Amino acid sequence: MIFKKIFLRCRQFLRSWQAKPLTVPENRYLQGVLTPGQYALFKALPIYEQRHALNVCRTLTSAGFGYDRDLLQAGLLHDLGKFDPSTGQAIPVWVKVANVAAGKLAGPFYRSWRDRQAKNTPGGWRYYFWLQAAHEDRGAALAQKAGGGPRVAALIGECKTLGQRGDTAARALAWADDLN
């Protein structure tokens, strides 16, 4: 099990590192799933985040969830909060890797330390910690403001809690995110 997780995280890092811009057909597909406001926010994300989100959406569709537009929107926007539209800043790949690795190695101790270091002040390394720590709530609010419904916001902002309560869509989203 541990080797599978290591493999998946290494693959995720390599995919982020090698991410290519989305194609015209991929962008057309996104425009059919997302509202115009959501699509504009999605296109502002770094290419590696766009590619990751599209992979999550494809995994959901392949698993039989292609009919659930709210879930597909949540899959495409689940990491939206790791980007700040007002500053254009996003969590860089190396910070994402460090966050995941430290979280796996030190668990709650690291997350507690990271959250204490986080500062909502753009420009410093602590800002990246804030983006990471607050990304679910921020992403939910951004997605809803851009035209997503309350279910989309809930799947983004409360995915873990909903999954623990047995929500099938939340569990599917977490599973697809872990795979990609």
Protein backbone atom coordinates (compact mmCIF):
# COMPACT_ATOMS: atom_id res chain seq x y z
CA MET A 1 0.00 0.00 0.00
CA ILE A 2 2.77 2.45 0.91
CA PHE A 3 4.58 1.73 -2.37
CA LYS A 4 1.39 2.43 -4.33
CA LYS A 5 1.02 5.81 -2.61
CA ILE A 6 4.67 6.65 -3.28
CA PHE A 7 4.21 5.67 -6.93
CA LEU A 8 1.07 7.79 -7.26
CA ARG A 9 2.74 10.84 -5.69
CA CYS A 10 5.83 10.46 -7.90
CA ARG A 11 3.59 10.16 -10.96
CA GLN A 12 1.63 13.23 -9.85
CA PHE A 13 4.86 15.22 -9.50
CA LEU A 14 6.13 14.14 -12.92
CA ARG A 15 2.80 14.97 -14.52
CA SER A 16 2.89 18.42 -12.93
CA TRP A 17 6.45 18.98 -14.05
CA GLN A 18 5.70 17.93 -17.65
CA ALA A 19 2.19 19.38 -17.96
CA LYS A 20 1.28 20.65 -21.39
CA PRO A 21 -1.38 23.28 -22.17
CA LEU A 22 -4.87 21.96 -22.76
CA THR A 23 -5.93 21.30 -26.33
CA VAL A 24 -8.80 22.95 -28.18
CA PRO A 25 -11.08 19.87 -27.75
CA GLU A 26 -10.24 19.74 -24.03
CA ASN A 27 -11.14 23.42 -23.66
CA ARG A 28 -14.42 22.88 -25.51
CA TYR A 29 -15.24 20.04 -23.12
CA LEU A 30 -14.49 22.29 -20.13
CA GLN A 31 -16.74 25.02 -21.51
CA GLY A 32 -19.56 22.48 -21.63
CA VAL A 33 -19.09 21.48 -17.98
CA LEU A 34 -18.14 24.77 -16.30
CA THR A 35 -20.02 28.05 -16.16
CA PRO A 36 -18.32 30.94 -18.00
CA GLY A 37 -17.14 32.37 -14.66
CA GLN A 38 -15.78 29.02 -13.51
CA TYR A 39 -14.05 28.49 -16.84
CA ALA A 40 -12.35 31.90 -16.57
CA LEU A 41 -11.02 31.01 -13.11
CA PHE A 42 -9.97 27.56 -14.32
CA LYS A 43 -8.01 29.08 -17.21
CA ALA A 44 -6.19 31.39 -14.77
CA LEU A 45 -4.80 28.36 -12.89
CA PRO A 46 -1.26 27.23 -13.65
CA ILE A 47 -1.11 24.64 -16.43
CA TYR A 48 -0.11 21.86 -14.00
CA GLU A 49 -3.24 22.54 -11.92
CA GLN A 50 -5.44 22.60 -15.03
CA ARG A 51 -4.02 19.29 -16.21
CA HIS A 52 -4.41 17.68 -12.76
CA ALA A 53 -8.02 18.83 -12.50
CA LEU A 54 -8.86 17.55 -15.98
CA ASN A 55 -7.31 14.18 -15.07
CA VAL A 56 -9.50 14.05 -11.96
CA CYS A 57 -12.57 14.85 -14.07
CA ARG A 58 -11.66 12.17 -16.63
CA THR A 59 -11.21 9.61 -13.86
CA LEU A 60 -14.66 10.46 -12.49
CA THR A 61 -16.20 10.18 -15.94
CA SER A 62 -14.48 6.83 -16.60
CA ALA A 63 -15.80 5.55 -13.27
CA GLY A 64 -19.39 6.23 -14.32
CA PHE A 65 -19.96 9.70 -12.85
CA GLY A 66 -20.15 11.55 -16.18
CA TYR A 67 -23.83 12.33 -15.58
CA ASP A 68 -23.13 14.30 -12.37
CA ARG A 69 -22.34 17.84 -13.53
CA ASP A 70 -21.91 19.14 -9.96
CA LEU A 71 -19.33 16.44 -9.23
CA LEU A 72 -17.49 17.11 -12.49
CA GLN A 73 -17.40 20.84 -11.70
CA ALA A 74 -16.08 20.06 -8.22
CA GLY A 75 -13.46 17.76 -9.74
CA LEU A 76 -12.31 20.50 -12.09
CA LEU A 77 -12.30 23.19 -9.38
CA HIS A 78 -11.30 21.27 -6.23
CA ASP A 79 -7.86 22.95 -6.04
CA LEU A 80 -9.06 26.39 -7.14
CA GLY A 81 -8.32 27.76 -3.66
CA LYS A 82 -4.59 27.07 -4.16
CA PHE A 83 -4.68 30.05 -6.52
CA ASP A 84 -5.35 33.67 -5.62
CA PRO A 85 -7.04 35.51 -8.51
CA SER A 86 -6.38 38.89 -6.90
CA THR A 87 -2.59 38.42 -6.93
CA GLY A 88 -2.19 35.75 -9.61
CA GLN A 89 -0.15 33.68 -7.17
CA ALA A 90 -0.48 29.91 -6.93
CA ILE A 91 1.27 27.25 -4.92
CA PRO A 92 4.36 26.24 -6.93
CA VAL A 93 4.97 22.58 -7.74
CA TRP A 94 7.93 22.34 -5.36
CA VAL A 95 5.81 23.64 -2.45
CA LYS A 96 3.04 21.15 -3.29
CA VAL A 97 5.59 18.31 -3.24
CA ALA A 98 7.09 19.52 0.04
CA ASN A 99 3.61 19.86 1.60
CA VAL A 100 2.60 16.34 0.60
CA ALA A 101 5.90 14.76 1.63
CA ALA A 102 6.06 16.55 4.99
CA GLY A 103 2.38 15.79 5.62
CA LYS A 104 2.95 12.09 5.00
CA LEU A 105 6.13 11.95 7.08
CA ALA A 106 5.08 14.12 10.03
CA GLY A 107 1.28 13.96 9.73
CA PRO A 108 -0.76 16.14 12.08
CA PHE A 109 2.38 17.63 13.65
CA TYR A 110 3.43 19.09 10.30
CA ARG A 111 -0.07 20.31 9.41
CA SER A 112 -0.38 22.02 12.79
CA TRP A 113 3.03 23.68 12.35
CA ARG A 114 2.20 24.69 8.75
CA ASP A 115 -1.12 26.22 9.80
CA ARG A 116 0.59 28.24 12.57
CA GLN A 117 3.15 29.55 10.04
CA ALA A 118 0.53 30.47 7.44
CA LYS A 119 0.02 34.17 6.76
CA ASN A 120 -2.44 35.82 4.41
CA THR A 121 0.22 38.21 3.15
CA PRO A 122 1.17 37.75 -0.51
CA GLY A 123 4.84 37.64 -1.41
CA GLY A 124 6.41 35.37 1.18
CA TRP A 125 6.77 31.63 1.70
CA ARG A 126 4.17 31.75 4.49
CA TYR A 127 1.59 32.86 1.95
CA TYR A 128 1.90 29.50 0.19
CA PHE A 129 1.18 27.78 3.50
CA TRP A 130 -1.91 29.96 3.87
CA LEU A 131 -3.10 29.08 0.36
CA GLN A 132 -2.64 25.39 1.17
CA ALA A 133 -4.29 25.53 4.58
CA ALA A 134 -7.28 27.56 3.38
CA HIS A 135 -7.67 26.13 -0.12
CA GLU A 136 -10.84 24.09 0.47
CA ASP A 137 -12.90 26.95 1.91
CA ARG A 138 -11.47 29.47 -0.54
CA GLY A 139 -12.03 27.15 -3.50
CA ALA A 140 -15.63 26.50 -2.48
CA ALA A 141 -16.34 30.23 -2.18
CA LEU A 142 -14.65 31.04 -5.51
CA ALA A 143 -16.50 28.24 -7.34
CA GLN A 144 -19.86 29.30 -5.94
CA LYS A 145 -19.25 32.98 -6.70
CA ALA A 146 -18.41 31.97 -10.29
CA GLY A 147 -21.75 30.22 -10.75
CA GLY A 148 -21.45 26.85 -9.02
CA GLY A 149 -24.32 25.66 -6.91
CA PRO A 150 -24.27 24.83 -3.20
CA ARG A 151 -23.52 21.16 -3.89
CA VAL A 152 -20.41 22.06 -5.91
CA ALA A 153 -19.24 24.30 -3.06
CA ALA A 154 -19.93 21.57 -0.50
CA LEU A 155 -18.02 18.95 -2.49
CA ILE A 156 -15.02 21.28 -2.71
CA GLY A 157 -15.12 22.74 0.79
CA GLU A 158 -16.41 19.80 2.81
CA CYS A 159 -15.22 16.79 0.81
CA LYS A 160 -13.57 15.02 3.75
CA THR A 161 -16.53 15.49 6.09
CA LEU A 162 -19.05 14.45 3.44
CA GLY A 163 -16.96 11.40 2.59
CA GLN A 164 -16.86 10.36 6.23
CA ARG A 165 -20.66 10.62 6.29
CA GLY A 166 -20.87 8.24 3.32
CA ASP A 167 -21.53 10.71 0.50
CA THR A 168 -20.77 8.75 -2.68
CA ALA A 169 -19.81 11.81 -4.75
CA ALA A 170 -17.40 13.11 -2.08
CA ARG A 171 -15.77 9.69 -1.81
CA ALA A 172 -15.46 9.49 -5.59
CA LEU A 173 -13.87 12.95 -5.71
CA ALA A 174 -11.32 12.07 -3.01
CA TRP A 175 -10.53 8.78 -4.77
CA ALA A 176 -10.05 10.43 -8.17
CA ASP A 177 -7.91 13.19 -6.64
CA ASP A 178 -5.66 10.62 -4.94
CA LEU A 179 -5.20 8.74 -8.21
CA ASN A 180 -4.18 11.84 -10.10
